[in-house]
Amino acid sequence: MHSTRQIAADAVIVNEGKILLVRRGTEPFKGLWALPGGRLEDDETLEQCCIREAKEESGIDVEIVRLVGVYSDPNRDPRKIIAISYLCKPAGGKEIPQEGEIQEVKWFPINQLPPLASDHGKMIKDALKI
């Protein structure tokens, strides 16, 4: 049987020693903090997806600084999604959660992160390596 795995882009948004996280309001990982991100649409690049999803989920406009990495372990997410992570910096907007999917948006000090969904902790560690 042939299946096609979906692709998502996640934003590691860093500003003044803090990282922006969103609390998931839906399964999987409901109630856990996560990086803003989501699935690639047919008519966009991964970079456009990252910028769109960051805005939709957090209310923040972002500028991509660089690619962090590709996360393709089939066990990273029960939906088997492949994630591409980007280091981003805020470029404007106010932290307003998206209704339904996101419960809360909050800046956390890099050294005081809460338990995170999926492999988002690894993405953050990879993003902070220079």
N, C-alpha and C. Protein backbone atom coordinates (compact mmCIF):
# COMPACT_ATOMS: atom_id res chain seq x y z
N MET A 1 0.85 -1.19 0.00
CA MET A 1 0.00 0.00 0.00
C MET A 1 0.88 1.24 0.00
N HIS A 2 0.56 2.17 -0.86
CA HIS A 2 1.33 3.41 -0.96
C HIS A 2 0.59 4.52 -0.22
N SER A 3 1.33 5.26 0.60
CA SER A 3 0.74 6.41 1.27
C SER A 3 1.65 7.61 1.08
N THR A 4 1.05 8.77 1.11
CA THR A 4 1.81 10.00 0.98
C THR A 4 1.77 10.74 2.30
N ARG A 5 2.95 11.04 2.82
CA ARG A 5 3.02 11.77 4.09
C ARG A 5 2.91 13.26 3.83
N GLN A 6 2.26 13.96 4.74
CA GLN A 6 2.10 15.40 4.60
C GLN A 6 3.32 16.13 5.14
N ILE A 7 3.48 17.37 4.71
CA ILE A 7 4.60 18.20 5.10
C ILE A 7 4.07 19.44 5.81
N ALA A 8 4.78 19.84 6.88
CA ALA A 8 4.41 21.04 7.62
C ALA A 8 5.65 21.89 7.84
N ALA A 9 5.42 23.17 8.12
CA ALA A 9 6.50 24.08 8.47
C ALA A 9 6.25 24.61 9.87
N ASP A 10 7.30 24.63 10.70
CA ASP A 10 7.20 25.12 12.08
C ASP A 10 8.15 26.30 12.26
N ALA A 11 7.70 27.30 13.02
CA ALA A 11 8.47 28.52 13.24
C ALA A 11 9.04 28.55 14.65
N VAL A 12 10.37 28.63 14.75
CA VAL A 12 11.04 28.85 16.03
C VAL A 12 11.26 30.36 16.10
N ILE A 13 10.33 31.06 16.77
CA ILE A 13 10.37 32.52 16.81
C ILE A 13 11.11 32.95 18.07
N VAL A 14 12.25 33.59 17.88
CA VAL A 14 13.11 33.98 19.00
C VAL A 14 13.24 35.50 19.02
N ASN A 15 13.12 36.06 20.24
CA ASN A 15 13.28 37.51 20.40
C ASN A 15 13.74 37.80 21.83
N GLU A 16 14.88 38.46 21.96
CA GLU A 16 15.39 38.91 23.25
C GLU A 16 15.42 37.78 24.28
N GLY A 17 15.97 36.63 23.89
CA GLY A 17 16.12 35.51 24.81
C GLY A 17 14.85 34.74 25.12
N LYS A 18 13.80 34.98 24.35
CA LYS A 18 12.53 34.28 24.57
C LYS A 18 12.07 33.61 23.28
N ILE A 19 11.25 32.56 23.46
CA ILE A 19 10.67 31.82 22.33
C ILE A 19 9.15 31.89 22.43
N LEU A 20 8.51 32.13 21.30
CA LEU A 20 7.05 32.20 21.26
C LEU A 20 6.48 30.79 21.07
N LEU A 21 5.59 30.40 21.97
CA LEU A 21 4.94 29.09 21.89
C LEU A 21 3.43 29.26 21.90
N VAL A 22 2.74 28.26 21.36
CA VAL A 22 1.28 28.24 21.37
C VAL A 22 0.82 26.97 22.09
N ARG A 23 -0.26 27.11 22.89
CA ARG A 23 -0.82 25.93 23.56
C ARG A 23 -1.89 25.33 22.65
N ARG A 24 -1.70 24.06 22.30
CA ARG A 24 -2.61 23.40 21.36
C ARG A 24 -3.98 23.17 21.98
N GLY A 25 -5.01 23.47 21.19
CA GLY A 25 -6.38 23.28 21.64
C GLY A 25 -7.03 22.04 21.05
N THR A 26 -6.29 21.34 20.19
CA THR A 26 -6.84 20.15 19.54
C THR A 26 -5.83 19.00 19.61
N GLU A 27 -6.32 17.81 19.42
CA GLU A 27 -5.45 16.63 19.36
C GLU A 27 -4.78 16.58 17.99
N PRO A 28 -3.62 15.98 17.84
CA PRO A 28 -2.84 15.40 18.92
C PRO A 28 -2.12 16.49 19.74
N PHE A 29 -1.67 16.12 20.88
CA PHE A 29 -0.91 16.99 21.79
C PHE A 29 -1.76 18.11 22.38
N LYS A 30 -3.07 17.90 22.51
CA LYS A 30 -3.96 18.92 23.08
C LYS A 30 -3.47 19.34 24.46
N GLY A 31 -3.41 20.64 24.69
CA GLY A 31 -3.01 21.18 25.99
C GLY A 31 -1.51 21.40 26.13
N LEU A 32 -0.72 20.83 25.23
CA LEU A 32 0.74 21.01 25.31
C LEU A 32 1.16 22.26 24.53
N TRP A 33 2.30 22.79 24.91
CA TRP A 33 2.87 23.93 24.20
C TRP A 33 3.62 23.43 22.97
N ALA A 34 3.57 24.23 21.92
CA ALA A 34 4.19 23.83 20.65
C ALA A 34 4.68 25.07 19.90
N LEU A 35 5.51 24.82 18.92
CA LEU A 35 5.90 25.88 18.00
C LEU A 35 4.73 26.15 17.06
N PRO A 36 4.49 27.41 16.69
CA PRO A 36 3.45 27.65 15.70
C PRO A 36 3.86 27.05 14.36
N GLY A 37 2.92 26.43 13.72
CA GLY A 37 3.21 25.80 12.44
C GLY A 37 2.02 25.04 11.92
N GLY A 38 2.16 24.53 10.70
CA GLY A 38 1.06 23.79 10.12
C GLY A 38 1.40 23.28 8.74
N ARG A 39 0.41 22.68 8.11
CA ARG A 39 0.62 21.97 6.86
C ARG A 39 0.75 22.87 5.64
N LEU A 40 1.57 22.39 4.74
CA LEU A 40 1.84 23.06 3.48
C LEU A 40 0.61 22.99 2.57
N GLU A 41 0.24 24.13 2.00
CA GLU A 41 -0.84 24.19 1.02
C GLU A 41 -0.25 23.93 -0.37
N ASP A 42 -1.09 23.52 -1.31
CA ASP A 42 -0.63 23.17 -2.66
C ASP A 42 0.01 24.33 -3.42
N ASP A 43 -0.37 25.56 -3.09
CA ASP A 43 0.06 26.71 -3.88
C ASP A 43 1.10 27.59 -3.17
N GLU A 44 1.85 27.03 -2.21
CA GLU A 44 2.82 27.85 -1.50
C GLU A 44 4.14 27.13 -1.30
N THR A 45 5.19 27.93 -1.05
CA THR A 45 6.49 27.36 -0.70
C THR A 45 6.48 27.04 0.80
N LEU A 46 7.47 26.28 1.24
CA LEU A 46 7.59 26.01 2.68
C LEU A 46 7.80 27.29 3.47
N GLU A 47 8.57 28.22 2.91
CA GLU A 47 8.81 29.49 3.59
C GLU A 47 7.51 30.28 3.73
N GLN A 48 6.70 30.30 2.68
CA GLN A 48 5.40 30.98 2.74
C GLN A 48 4.50 30.30 3.76
N CYS A 49 4.54 28.98 3.82
CA CYS A 49 3.75 28.21 4.78
C CYS A 49 4.16 28.59 6.21
N CYS A 50 5.45 28.66 6.47
CA CYS A 50 5.95 29.00 7.79
C CYS A 50 5.44 30.38 8.22
N ILE A 51 5.57 31.36 7.33
CA ILE A 51 5.14 32.72 7.63
C ILE A 51 3.63 32.78 7.85
N ARG A 52 2.86 32.10 6.99
CA ARG A 52 1.38 32.08 7.11
C ARG A 52 0.94 31.43 8.40
N GLU A 53 1.49 30.24 8.69
CA GLU A 53 1.08 29.51 9.89
C GLU A 53 1.46 30.27 11.17
N ALA A 54 2.64 30.88 11.18
CA ALA A 54 3.03 31.66 12.36
C ALA A 54 2.02 32.78 12.61
N LYS A 55 1.60 33.46 11.53
CA LYS A 55 0.63 34.55 11.65
C LYS A 55 -0.73 34.01 12.09
N GLU A 56 -1.19 32.92 11.44
CA GLU A 56 -2.50 32.36 11.78
C GLU A 56 -2.57 31.90 13.23
N GLU A 57 -1.53 31.23 13.69
CA GLU A 57 -1.59 30.62 15.02
C GLU A 57 -1.21 31.57 16.15
N SER A 58 -0.34 32.54 15.87
CA SER A 58 0.15 33.39 16.96
C SER A 58 -0.22 34.86 16.83
N GLY A 59 -0.65 35.29 15.65
CA GLY A 59 -0.91 36.70 15.41
C GLY A 59 0.34 37.50 15.08
N ILE A 60 1.50 36.84 15.05
CA ILE A 60 2.78 37.52 14.83
C ILE A 60 3.21 37.39 13.37
N ASP A 61 3.64 38.51 12.80
CA ASP A 61 4.31 38.48 11.50
C ASP A 61 5.76 38.11 11.76
N VAL A 62 6.32 37.22 10.95
CA VAL A 62 7.71 36.81 11.15
C VAL A 62 8.53 36.99 9.89
N GLU A 63 9.83 37.07 10.11
CA GLU A 63 10.81 37.06 9.04
C GLU A 63 11.69 35.84 9.26
N ILE A 64 11.87 35.04 8.24
CA ILE A 64 12.70 33.85 8.37
C ILE A 64 14.17 34.24 8.37
N VAL A 65 14.90 33.70 9.36
CA VAL A 65 16.33 33.94 9.47
C VAL A 65 17.10 32.85 8.72
N ARG A 66 16.72 31.57 8.99
CA ARG A 66 17.39 30.47 8.31
C ARG A 66 16.62 29.17 8.55
N LEU A 67 16.91 28.19 7.70
CA LEU A 67 16.40 26.84 7.87
C LEU A 67 17.06 26.21 9.08
N VAL A 68 16.28 25.54 9.92
CA VAL A 68 16.83 24.82 11.07
C VAL A 68 17.06 23.36 10.70
N GLY A 69 16.03 22.68 10.17
CA GLY A 69 16.19 21.28 9.84
C GLY A 69 14.91 20.63 9.36
N VAL A 70 15.07 19.38 8.97
CA VAL A 70 13.96 18.54 8.51
C VAL A 70 13.78 17.43 9.54
N TYR A 71 12.55 17.20 9.96
CA TYR A 71 12.23 16.22 11.00
C TYR A 71 11.24 15.21 10.41
N SER A 72 11.76 14.02 10.07
CA SER A 72 10.96 13.07 9.29
C SER A 72 10.71 11.74 9.98
N ASP A 73 11.10 11.60 11.25
CA ASP A 73 10.85 10.35 11.97
C ASP A 73 9.34 10.07 11.94
N PRO A 74 8.92 8.92 11.41
CA PRO A 74 7.48 8.65 11.32
C PRO A 74 6.79 8.60 12.69
N ASN A 75 7.56 8.44 13.77
CA ASN A 75 6.98 8.38 15.10
C ASN A 75 6.95 9.74 15.80
N ARG A 76 7.37 10.81 15.13
CA ARG A 76 7.41 12.13 15.76
C ARG A 76 6.00 12.69 15.99
N ASP A 77 5.04 12.22 15.21
CA ASP A 77 3.67 12.73 15.26
C ASP A 77 2.76 11.59 14.81
N PRO A 78 1.64 11.38 15.51
CA PRO A 78 0.75 10.28 15.10
C PRO A 78 0.19 10.43 13.69
N ARG A 79 0.22 11.64 13.14
CA ARG A 79 -0.27 11.86 11.78
C ARG A 79 0.82 11.63 10.74
N LYS A 80 2.04 11.27 11.20
CA LYS A 80 3.19 10.94 10.34
C LYS A 80 3.67 12.14 9.52
N ILE A 81 3.41 13.34 10.00
CA ILE A 81 3.77 14.56 9.26
C ILE A 81 5.29 14.77 9.30
N ILE A 82 5.84 15.18 8.17
CA ILE A 82 7.25 15.59 8.07
C ILE A 82 7.27 17.09 8.33
N ALA A 83 8.12 17.53 9.27
CA ALA A 83 8.18 18.95 9.61
C ALA A 83 9.50 19.56 9.16
N ILE A 84 9.41 20.75 8.63
CA ILE A 84 10.58 21.55 8.29
C ILE A 84 10.52 22.76 9.21
N SER A 85 11.61 22.98 9.95
CA SER A 85 11.63 24.03 10.96
C SER A 85 12.52 25.19 10.51
N TYR A 86 12.04 26.41 10.79
CA TYR A 86 12.78 27.62 10.45
C TYR A 86 12.97 28.49 11.69
N LEU A 87 14.16 29.05 11.84
CA LEU A 87 14.40 30.06 12.86
C LEU A 87 13.84 31.37 12.31
N CYS A 88 13.03 32.06 13.13
CA CYS A 88 12.38 33.29 12.69
C CYS A 88 12.55 34.37 13.74
N LYS A 89 12.39 35.62 13.28
CA LYS A 89 12.34 36.73 14.22
C LYS A 89 11.03 37.47 14.00
N PRO A 90 10.47 38.06 15.06
CA PRO A 90 9.20 38.76 14.91
C PRO A 90 9.38 40.00 14.04
N ALA A 91 8.35 40.30 13.24
CA ALA A 91 8.39 41.46 12.36
C ALA A 91 7.14 42.32 12.55
N GLY A 92 6.42 42.11 13.66
CA GLY A 92 5.23 42.92 13.94
C GLY A 92 4.03 42.06 14.30
N GLY A 93 2.99 42.73 14.74
CA GLY A 93 1.77 42.03 15.12
C GLY A 93 1.68 41.83 16.62
N LYS A 94 0.53 41.40 17.09
CA LYS A 94 0.29 41.17 18.51
C LYS A 94 -0.07 39.71 18.72
N GLU A 95 0.34 39.16 19.88
CA GLU A 95 0.10 37.75 20.17
C GLU A 95 -1.38 37.50 20.45
N ILE A 96 -2.08 37.00 19.45
CA ILE A 96 -3.50 36.69 19.60
C ILE A 96 -3.72 35.27 19.11
N PRO A 97 -4.21 34.37 19.99
CA PRO A 97 -4.38 32.97 19.56
C PRO A 97 -5.48 32.82 18.52
N GLN A 98 -5.26 31.85 17.62
CA GLN A 98 -6.27 31.50 16.64
C GLN A 98 -7.39 30.77 17.37
N GLU A 99 -8.62 31.11 17.08
CA GLU A 99 -9.74 30.48 17.77
C GLU A 99 -9.82 29.00 17.44
N GLY A 100 -10.05 28.18 18.47
CA GLY A 100 -10.25 26.74 18.28
C GLY A 100 -8.98 25.93 18.36
N GLU A 101 -8.12 26.08 17.36
CA GLU A 101 -6.93 25.24 17.29
C GLU A 101 -5.91 25.59 18.37
N ILE A 102 -5.81 26.87 18.71
CA ILE A 102 -4.82 27.35 19.67
C ILE A 102 -5.53 27.95 20.88
N GLN A 103 -5.11 27.54 22.09
CA GLN A 103 -5.73 28.04 23.31
C GLN A 103 -5.07 29.31 23.83
N GLU A 104 -3.75 29.42 23.64
CA GLU A 104 -3.00 30.50 24.27
C GLU A 104 -1.69 30.72 23.52
N VAL A 105 -1.18 31.94 23.55
CA VAL A 105 0.11 32.29 22.94
C VAL A 105 0.93 32.98 24.01
N LYS A 106 2.20 32.56 24.17
CA LYS A 106 3.00 33.12 25.24
C LYS A 106 4.49 33.06 24.91
N TRP A 107 5.22 34.09 25.33
CA TRP A 107 6.68 34.10 25.22
C TRP A 107 7.27 33.43 26.45
N PHE A 108 8.21 32.50 26.24
CA PHE A 108 8.89 31.80 27.33
C PHE A 108 10.38 32.09 27.27
N PRO A 109 11.03 32.32 28.44
CA PRO A 109 12.49 32.40 28.45
C PRO A 109 13.07 31.09 27.92
N ILE A 110 14.13 31.20 27.12
CA ILE A 110 14.74 30.03 26.50
C ILE A 110 15.11 28.96 27.53
N ASN A 111 15.53 29.37 28.72
CA ASN A 111 15.95 28.40 29.73
C ASN A 111 14.81 27.98 30.66
N GLN A 112 13.57 28.36 30.36
CA GLN A 112 12.42 27.98 31.21
C GLN A 112 11.24 27.52 30.35
N LEU A 113 11.51 26.60 29.43
CA LEU A 113 10.46 26.14 28.53
C LEU A 113 9.59 25.09 29.21
N PRO A 114 8.29 25.09 28.94
CA PRO A 114 7.39 24.07 29.48
C PRO A 114 7.55 22.76 28.70
N PRO A 115 6.88 21.68 29.15
CA PRO A 115 6.87 20.45 28.34
C PRO A 115 6.27 20.76 26.97
N LEU A 116 6.92 20.23 25.93
CA LEU A 116 6.55 20.56 24.55
C LEU A 116 5.97 19.38 23.80
N ALA A 117 5.14 19.68 22.82
CA ALA A 117 4.54 18.68 21.94
C ALA A 117 5.60 18.07 21.02
N SER A 118 5.41 16.83 20.66
CA SER A 118 6.21 16.14 19.65
C SER A 118 7.70 16.33 19.89
N ASP A 119 8.44 16.67 18.84
CA ASP A 119 9.89 16.86 18.93
C ASP A 119 10.26 18.34 18.86
N HIS A 120 9.36 19.21 19.31
CA HIS A 120 9.59 20.64 19.23
C HIS A 120 10.76 21.09 20.11
N GLY A 121 11.03 20.37 21.20
CA GLY A 121 12.19 20.67 22.02
C GLY A 121 13.48 20.49 21.23
N LYS A 122 13.54 19.45 20.43
CA LYS A 122 14.73 19.21 19.58
C LYS A 122 14.86 20.32 18.53
N MET A 123 13.75 20.73 17.95
CA MET A 123 13.79 21.81 16.96
C MET A 123 14.36 23.09 17.58
N ILE A 124 13.92 23.39 18.80
CA ILE A 124 14.40 24.60 19.48
C ILE A 124 15.90 24.48 19.76
N LYS A 125 16.33 23.33 20.27
CA LYS A 125 17.77 23.12 20.54
C LYS A 125 18.58 23.26 19.25
N ASP A 126 18.08 22.68 18.17
CA ASP A 126 18.78 22.77 16.89
C ASP A 126 18.83 24.22 16.39
N ALA A 127 17.75 24.96 16.59
CA ALA A 127 17.69 26.35 16.13
C ALA A 127 18.66 27.24 16.89
N LEU A 128 18.90 26.93 18.16
CA LEU A 128 19.75 27.78 18.99
C LEU A 128 21.24 27.47 18.85
N LYS A 129 21.57 26.37 18.17
CA LYS A 129 22.97 26.06 17.86
C LYS A 129 23.42 27.00 16.75
N ILE A 130 24.53 27.60 16.95
CA ILE A 130 25.03 28.53 15.91
C ILE A 130 26.16 27.85 15.15
